[in-house]
């Protein structure tokens, strides 16, 4: 039974440890383009160009150049950068998850696994002190892959030097949880801190 115990715990970043809203950026950039806020939001949140950026396939200057062309933006890179980055905030939920992670770090190997681009990551490192609760920070732009690609989880297991049965994973997006679960990782949809604690307890995690 000991061979099946949890040894490593993986946390998603966005809307678990740090909240965000792309609508904030979409509204701020709207005055500088003829596109609708909805159209800007879709481009920022769920588009091929954002996917390429999160996967580290294109560098920040090229990302901005392509966004500028697609939106017909009337601002430069220096003005765009804070608009792009200032979409994050901490909620009471985030504080509870962070405090839980810090406690868990005393007995388990902890990792953050995030679909994130390099600009957002560097901004978060400077402005949101949450990463000290984790042994490993694993990002899509460094892996060159995006969740739910199974290879993301396989590489994460390699970093953690753990078998799937010995790993707990929480993420707010069900489709990402299902991909990890298909590999045998004990995976749960994050809803709130109370549910997270119960999922951890049910998996044999002690804190």
C-alpha atoms as a PDB file:
ATOM      1  CA  UNK A   1       0.000   0.000   0.000  1.00  0.00           C
ATOM      2  CA  UNK A   2       2.941   2.300   0.746  1.00  0.00           C
ATOM      3  CA  UNK A   3       3.982   2.017  -2.898  1.00  0.00           C
ATOM      4  CA  UNK A   4       0.765   3.818  -3.844  1.00  0.00           C
ATOM      5  CA  UNK A   5       1.094   6.753  -1.467  1.00  0.00           C
ATOM      6  CA  UNK A   6       1.254  10.313  -2.769  1.00  0.00           C
ATOM      7  CA  UNK A   7       4.811  11.621  -2.971  1.00  0.00           C
ATOM      8  CA  UNK A   8       4.379  14.665  -5.248  1.00  0.00           C
ATOM      9  CA  UNK A   9       1.625  17.235  -5.693  1.00  0.00           C
ATOM     10  CA  UNK A  10       1.096  19.338  -8.816  1.00  0.00           C
ATOM     11  CA  UNK A  11      -0.822  22.612  -8.778  1.00  0.00           C
ATOM     12  CA  UNK A  12      -2.112  24.497 -11.783  1.00  0.00           C
ATOM     13  CA  UNK A  13      -1.315  28.223 -11.595  1.00  0.00           C
ATOM     14  CA  UNK A  14      -4.083  30.283 -13.192  1.00  0.00           C
ATOM     15  CA  UNK A  15      -7.362  30.494 -11.245  1.00  0.00           C
ATOM     16  CA  UNK A  16      -5.879  28.257  -8.564  1.00  0.00           C
ATOM     17  CA  UNK A  17      -2.873  30.095  -7.110  1.00  0.00           C
ATOM     18  CA  UNK A  18      -3.346  33.361  -9.006  1.00  0.00           C
ATOM     19  CA  UNK A  19      -6.574  34.603 -10.584  1.00  0.00           C
ATOM     20  CA  UNK A  20      -6.652  36.378 -13.936  1.00  0.00           C
ATOM     21  CA  UNK A  21      -9.074  37.902 -16.398  1.00  0.00           C
ATOM     22  CA  UNK A  22      -8.175  38.561 -20.035  1.00  0.00           C
ATOM     23  CA  UNK A  23     -11.199  40.861 -20.243  1.00  0.00           C
ATOM     24  CA  UNK A  24      -9.187  43.414 -18.261  1.00  0.00           C
ATOM     25  CA  UNK A  25      -6.652  43.641 -21.079  1.00  0.00           C
ATOM     26  CA  UNK A  26      -9.310  43.484 -23.789  1.00  0.00           C
ATOM     27  CA  UNK A  27     -11.131  46.494 -22.323  1.00  0.00           C
ATOM     28  CA  UNK A  28      -7.920  48.496 -21.908  1.00  0.00           C
ATOM     29  CA  UNK A  29      -6.763  47.853 -25.458  1.00  0.00           C
ATOM     30  CA  UNK A  30     -10.139  48.481 -27.119  1.00  0.00           C
ATOM     31  CA  UNK A  31      -9.584  52.255 -27.534  1.00  0.00           C
ATOM     32  CA  UNK A  32      -6.522  51.516 -29.676  1.00  0.00           C
ATOM     33  CA  UNK A  33      -8.201  49.243 -32.223  1.00  0.00           C
ATOM     34  CA  UNK A  34     -11.382  48.998 -34.249  1.00  0.00           C
ATOM     35  CA  UNK A  35     -12.047  45.459 -32.990  1.00  0.00           C
ATOM     36  CA  UNK A  36     -14.725  44.619 -30.426  1.00  0.00           C
ATOM     37  CA  UNK A  37     -13.838  43.774 -26.838  1.00  0.00           C
ATOM     38  CA  UNK A  38     -15.183  40.278 -27.470  1.00  0.00           C
ATOM     39  CA  UNK A  39     -12.958  39.863 -30.520  1.00  0.00           C
ATOM     40  CA  UNK A  40      -9.906  41.072 -28.616  1.00  0.00           C
ATOM     41  CA  UNK A  41     -10.695  38.707 -25.735  1.00  0.00           C
ATOM     42  CA  UNK A  42     -10.953  35.727 -28.079  1.00  0.00           C
ATOM     43  CA  UNK A  43      -7.597  36.587 -29.639  1.00  0.00           C
ATOM     44  CA  UNK A  44      -5.891  36.945 -26.279  1.00  0.00           C
ATOM     45  CA  UNK A  45      -7.427  33.978 -24.521  1.00  0.00           C
ATOM     46  CA  UNK A  46      -7.964  31.215 -27.026  1.00  0.00           C
ATOM     47  CA  UNK A  47      -6.305  31.690 -30.396  1.00  0.00           C
ATOM     48  CA  UNK A  48      -3.584  30.019 -32.426  1.00  0.00           C
ATOM     49  CA  UNK A  49      -1.186  32.916 -31.899  1.00  0.00           C
ATOM     50  CA  UNK A  50      -1.594  32.805 -28.105  1.00  0.00           C
ATOM     51  CA  UNK A  51      -1.122  29.042 -28.203  1.00  0.00           C
ATOM     52  CA  UNK A  52       2.127  29.432 -30.115  1.00  0.00           C
ATOM     53  CA  UNK A  53       3.312  32.040 -27.617  1.00  0.00           C
ATOM     54  CA  UNK A  54       2.446  29.845 -24.627  1.00  0.00           C
ATOM     55  CA  UNK A  55       4.299  26.956 -26.238  1.00  0.00           C
ATOM     56  CA  UNK A  56       7.396  29.112 -26.638  1.00  0.00           C
ATOM     57  CA  UNK A  57       7.253  28.781 -30.425  1.00  0.00           C
ATOM     58  CA  UNK A  58       7.452  32.535 -30.991  1.00  0.00           C
ATOM     59  CA  UNK A  59       9.307  35.275 -29.080  1.00  0.00           C
ATOM     60  CA  UNK A  60       7.612  38.314 -27.490  1.00  0.00           C
ATOM     61  CA  UNK A  61       8.486  40.751 -30.326  1.00  0.00           C
ATOM     62  CA  UNK A  62       6.959  38.448 -32.939  1.00  0.00           C
ATOM     63  CA  UNK A  63       3.905  37.855 -30.767  1.00  0.00           C
ATOM     64  CA  UNK A  64       3.348  41.592 -30.436  1.00  0.00           C
ATOM     65  CA  UNK A  65       3.938  42.153 -34.148  1.00  0.00           C
ATOM     66  CA  UNK A  66       1.300  39.593 -35.066  1.00  0.00           C
ATOM     67  CA  UNK A  67      -1.194  40.875 -32.479  1.00  0.00           C
ATOM     68  CA  UNK A  68      -0.595  44.443 -33.696  1.00  0.00           C
ATOM     69  CA  UNK A  69      -1.323  43.380 -37.275  1.00  0.00           C
ATOM     70  CA  UNK A  70      -4.395  41.293 -36.392  1.00  0.00           C
ATOM     71  CA  UNK A  71      -5.922  44.041 -34.259  1.00  0.00           C
ATOM     72  CA  UNK A  72      -4.591  46.981 -36.267  1.00  0.00           C
ATOM     73  CA  UNK A  73      -3.229  48.364 -33.006  1.00  0.00           C
ATOM     74  CA  UNK A  74      -2.298  52.008 -32.685  1.00  0.00           C
ATOM     75  CA  UNK A  75       0.193  51.552 -29.835  1.00  0.00           C
ATOM     76  CA  UNK A  76       3.781  50.361 -29.546  1.00  0.00           C
ATOM     77  CA  UNK A  77       5.320  47.445 -27.664  1.00  0.00           C
ATOM     78  CA  UNK A  78       6.124  49.529 -24.578  1.00  0.00           C
ATOM     79  CA  UNK A  79       2.497  50.566 -24.203  1.00  0.00           C
ATOM     80  CA  UNK A  80       1.215  47.082 -24.968  1.00  0.00           C
ATOM     81  CA  UNK A  81       3.330  45.284 -22.372  1.00  0.00           C
ATOM     82  CA  UNK A  82       1.618  46.524 -19.170  1.00  0.00           C
ATOM     83  CA  UNK A  83      -1.810  46.067 -20.741  1.00  0.00           C
ATOM     84  CA  UNK A  84      -0.916  42.470 -21.616  1.00  0.00           C
ATOM     85  CA  UNK A  85       0.543  41.703 -18.210  1.00  0.00           C
ATOM     86  CA  UNK A  86      -1.725  43.486 -15.750  1.00  0.00           C
ATOM     87  CA  UNK A  87      -4.550  40.946 -15.771  1.00  0.00           C
ATOM     88  CA  UNK A  88      -3.609  39.067 -12.601  1.00  0.00           C
ATOM     89  CA  UNK A  89      -4.847  39.453  -9.033  1.00  0.00           C
ATOM     90  CA  UNK A  90      -4.940  37.532  -5.766  1.00  0.00           C
ATOM     91  CA  UNK A  91      -8.247  36.503  -4.224  1.00  0.00           C
ATOM     92  CA  UNK A  92      -8.893  35.094  -0.741  1.00  0.00           C
ATOM     93  CA  UNK A  93      -9.102  31.692  -2.416  1.00  0.00           C
ATOM     94  CA  UNK A  94      -5.593  32.122  -3.817  1.00  0.00           C
ATOM     95  CA  UNK A  95      -4.198  32.972  -0.389  1.00  0.00           C
ATOM     96  CA  UNK A  96      -5.767  29.834   1.092  1.00  0.00           C
ATOM     97  CA  UNK A  97      -4.309  27.628  -1.652  1.00  0.00           C
ATOM     98  CA  UNK A  98      -0.875  29.205  -1.248  1.00  0.00           C
ATOM     99  CA  UNK A  99      -0.894  28.661   2.521  1.00  0.00           C
ATOM    100  CA  UNK A 100      -1.944  25.055   1.998  1.00  0.00           C
ATOM    101  CA  UNK A 101       0.869  24.551  -0.518  1.00  0.00           C
ATOM    102  CA  UNK A 102       3.435  25.930   1.912  1.00  0.00           C
ATOM    103  CA  UNK A 103       2.296  23.452   4.532  1.00  0.00           C
ATOM    104  CA  UNK A 104       2.333  20.541   2.083  1.00  0.00           C
ATOM    105  CA  UNK A 105       5.867  21.431   0.976  1.00  0.00           C
ATOM    106  CA  UNK A 106       7.147  20.257   4.359  1.00  0.00           C
ATOM    107  CA  UNK A 107       6.272  16.631   3.526  1.00  0.00           C
ATOM    108  CA  UNK A 108       5.762  16.375  -0.253  1.00  0.00           C
ATOM    109  CA  UNK A 109       7.471  17.423  -3.462  1.00  0.00           C
ATOM    110  CA  UNK A 110       5.440  20.293  -4.884  1.00  0.00           C
ATOM    111  CA  UNK A 111       5.299  21.596  -8.439  1.00  0.00           C
ATOM    112  CA  UNK A 112       3.456  24.231 -10.420  1.00  0.00           C
ATOM    113  CA  UNK A 113       2.477  23.170 -13.937  1.00  0.00           C
ATOM    114  CA  UNK A 114       1.173  26.008 -16.070  1.00  0.00           C
ATOM    115  CA  UNK A 115       0.238  26.912 -19.616  1.00  0.00           C
ATOM    116  CA  UNK A 116       1.850  30.339 -19.641  1.00  0.00           C
ATOM    117  CA  UNK A 117       3.897  32.621 -21.889  1.00  0.00           C
ATOM    118  CA  UNK A 118       7.247  34.074 -20.914  1.00  0.00           C
ATOM    119  CA  UNK A 119       5.954  37.652 -20.501  1.00  0.00           C
ATOM    120  CA  UNK A 120       3.270  36.649 -18.035  1.00  0.00           C
ATOM    121  CA  UNK A 121       5.653  34.346 -16.182  1.00  0.00           C
ATOM    122  CA  UNK A 122       8.351  36.976 -15.738  1.00  0.00           C
ATOM    123  CA  UNK A 123       5.726  39.499 -14.631  1.00  0.00           C
ATOM    124  CA  UNK A 124       4.292  37.095 -12.060  1.00  0.00           C
ATOM    125  CA  UNK A 125       7.713  36.227 -10.660  1.00  0.00           C
ATOM    126  CA  UNK A 126       8.341  39.924  -9.984  1.00  0.00           C
ATOM    127  CA  UNK A 127       4.936  40.825  -8.609  1.00  0.00           C
ATOM    128  CA  UNK A 128       3.323  37.758  -7.015  1.00  0.00           C
ATOM    129  CA  UNK A 129       5.359  35.963  -4.325  1.00  0.00           C
ATOM    130  CA  UNK A 130       3.771  32.529  -4.581  1.00  0.00           C
ATOM    131  CA  UNK A 131       6.464  30.416  -6.201  1.00  0.00           C
ATOM    132  CA  UNK A 132       8.489  29.896  -3.034  1.00  0.00           C
ATOM    133  CA  UNK A 133       5.974  27.245  -1.968  1.00  0.00           C
ATOM    134  CA  UNK A 134       7.148  24.933  -4.753  1.00  0.00           C
ATOM    135  CA  UNK A 135      10.182  22.824  -5.515  1.00  0.00           C
ATOM    136  CA  UNK A 136       9.606  22.876  -9.291  1.00  0.00           C
ATOM    137  CA  UNK A 137       8.042  25.420 -11.650  1.00  0.00           C
ATOM    138  CA  UNK A 138       7.170  23.786 -14.977  1.00  0.00           C
ATOM    139  CA  UNK A 139       5.927  26.040 -17.763  1.00  0.00           C
ATOM    140  CA  UNK A 140       4.554  25.402 -21.227  1.00  0.00           C
ATOM    141  CA  UNK A 141       6.858  27.920 -22.897  1.00  0.00           C
ATOM    142  CA  UNK A 142       9.910  26.101 -21.512  1.00  0.00           C
ATOM    143  CA  UNK A 143       8.566  22.641 -22.356  1.00  0.00           C
ATOM    144  CA  UNK A 144       7.505  23.678 -25.853  1.00  0.00           C
ATOM    145  CA  UNK A 145       4.195  21.917 -25.186  1.00  0.00           C
ATOM    146  CA  UNK A 146       0.760  22.906 -23.899  1.00  0.00           C
ATOM    147  CA  UNK A 147      -1.641  21.036 -21.638  1.00  0.00           C
ATOM    148  CA  UNK A 148      -3.598  18.833 -22.329  1.00  0.00           C
ATOM    149  CA  UNK A 149      -0.864  17.294 -24.497  1.00  0.00           C
ATOM    150  CA  UNK A 150      -0.026  14.058 -22.593  1.00  0.00           C
ATOM    151  CA  UNK A 151       3.675  14.720 -23.141  1.00  0.00           C
ATOM    152  CA  UNK A 152       3.398  17.657 -20.737  1.00  0.00           C
ATOM    153  CA  UNK A 153       2.449  15.328 -17.910  1.00  0.00           C
ATOM    154  CA  UNK A 154       4.990  12.700 -18.900  1.00  0.00           C
ATOM    155  CA  UNK A 155       7.781  15.280 -18.796  1.00  0.00           C
ATOM    156  CA  UNK A 156       6.481  16.573 -15.468  1.00  0.00           C
ATOM    157  CA  UNK A 157       6.612  13.064 -14.007  1.00  0.00           C
ATOM    158  CA  UNK A 158      10.213  12.829 -15.190  1.00  0.00           C
ATOM    159  CA  UNK A 159      11.079  16.100 -13.458  1.00  0.00           C
ATOM    160  CA  UNK A 160       9.419  14.904 -10.260  1.00  0.00           C
ATOM    161  CA  UNK A 161      10.992  11.449 -10.602  1.00  0.00           C
ATOM    162  CA  UNK A 162       7.637   9.956  -9.682  1.00  0.00           C
ATOM    163  CA  UNK A 163       5.218   7.356 -10.965  1.00  0.00           C
ATOM    164  CA  UNK A 164       1.684   8.475 -11.903  1.00  0.00           C
ATOM    165  CA  UNK A 165       0.077   6.628  -8.984  1.00  0.00           C
ATOM    166  CA  UNK A 166       2.262   8.611  -6.578  1.00  0.00           C
ATOM    167  CA  UNK A 167       1.238  12.024  -7.931  1.00  0.00           C
ATOM    168  CA  UNK A 168      -1.720  14.258  -7.074  1.00  0.00           C
ATOM    169  CA  UNK A 169      -2.745  16.957  -9.573  1.00  0.00           C
ATOM    170  CA  UNK A 170      -5.314  19.763  -9.359  1.00  0.00           C
ATOM    171  CA  UNK A 171      -6.407  22.068 -12.197  1.00  0.00           C
ATOM    172  CA  UNK A 172      -9.481  24.230 -12.772  1.00  0.00           C
ATOM    173  CA  UNK A 173      -9.981  22.994 -16.353  1.00  0.00           C
ATOM    174  CA  UNK A 174     -11.679  19.573 -16.599  1.00  0.00           C
ATOM    175  CA  UNK A 175     -10.166  18.715 -19.988  1.00  0.00           C
ATOM    176  CA  UNK A 176      -6.647  19.131 -18.593  1.00  0.00           C
ATOM    177  CA  UNK A 177      -7.517  17.001 -15.586  1.00  0.00           C
ATOM    178  CA  UNK A 178      -8.864  14.248 -17.839  1.00  0.00           C
ATOM    179  CA  UNK A 179      -5.658  14.141 -19.874  1.00  0.00           C
ATOM    180  CA  UNK A 180      -3.541  13.683 -16.752  1.00  0.00           C
ATOM    181  CA  UNK A 181      -5.990  11.138 -15.355  1.00  0.00           C
ATOM    182  CA  UNK A 182      -5.678   9.051 -18.529  1.00  0.00           C
ATOM    183  CA  UNK A 183      -2.005   8.549 -17.660  1.00  0.00           C
ATOM    184  CA  UNK A 184      -2.819   7.287 -14.181  1.00  0.00           C
ATOM    185  CA  UNK A 185      -2.127  10.526 -12.304  1.00  0.00           C
ATOM    186  CA  UNK A 186      -4.578  11.126  -9.460  1.00  0.00           C
ATOM    187  CA  UNK A 187      -6.205  14.200 -10.937  1.00  0.00           C
ATOM    188  CA  UNK A 188      -8.974  16.448  -9.634  1.00  0.00           C
ATOM    189  CA  UNK A 189     -10.840  19.502 -10.877  1.00  0.00           C
ATOM    190  CA  UNK A 190     -10.145  22.479  -8.619  1.00  0.00           C
ATOM    191  CA  UNK A 191     -13.351  24.147  -7.418  1.00  0.00           C
ATOM    192  CA  UNK A 192     -12.436  25.690  -4.085  1.00  0.00           C
ATOM    193  CA  UNK A 193     -10.021  25.171  -1.214  1.00  0.00           C
ATOM    194  CA  UNK A 194     -12.447  23.038   0.780  1.00  0.00           C
ATOM    195  CA  UNK A 195     -12.874  20.634  -2.125  1.00  0.00           C
ATOM    196  CA  UNK A 196      -9.119  20.579  -2.710  1.00  0.00           C
ATOM    197  CA  UNK A 197      -8.471  19.622   0.915  1.00  0.00           C
ATOM    198  CA  UNK A 198     -11.050  16.842   0.711  1.00  0.00           C
ATOM    199  CA  UNK A 199      -9.538  15.499  -2.527  1.00  0.00           C
ATOM    200  CA  UNK A 200      -6.108  15.496  -0.881  1.00  0.00           C
ATOM    201  CA  UNK A 201      -7.419  13.676   2.204  1.00  0.00           C
ATOM    202  CA  UNK A 202      -9.250  11.129   0.044  1.00  0.00           C
ATOM    203  CA  UNK A 203      -5.948  10.503  -1.762  1.00  0.00           C
ATOM    204  CA  UNK A 204      -4.145   9.813   1.494  1.00  0.00           C
ATOM    205  CA  UNK A 205      -2.323  13.144   1.749  1.00  0.00           C
ATOM    206  CA  UNK A 206      -1.624  14.294   5.294  1.00  0.00           C
ATOM    207  CA  UNK A 207      -1.328  17.936   6.332  1.00  0.00           C
END
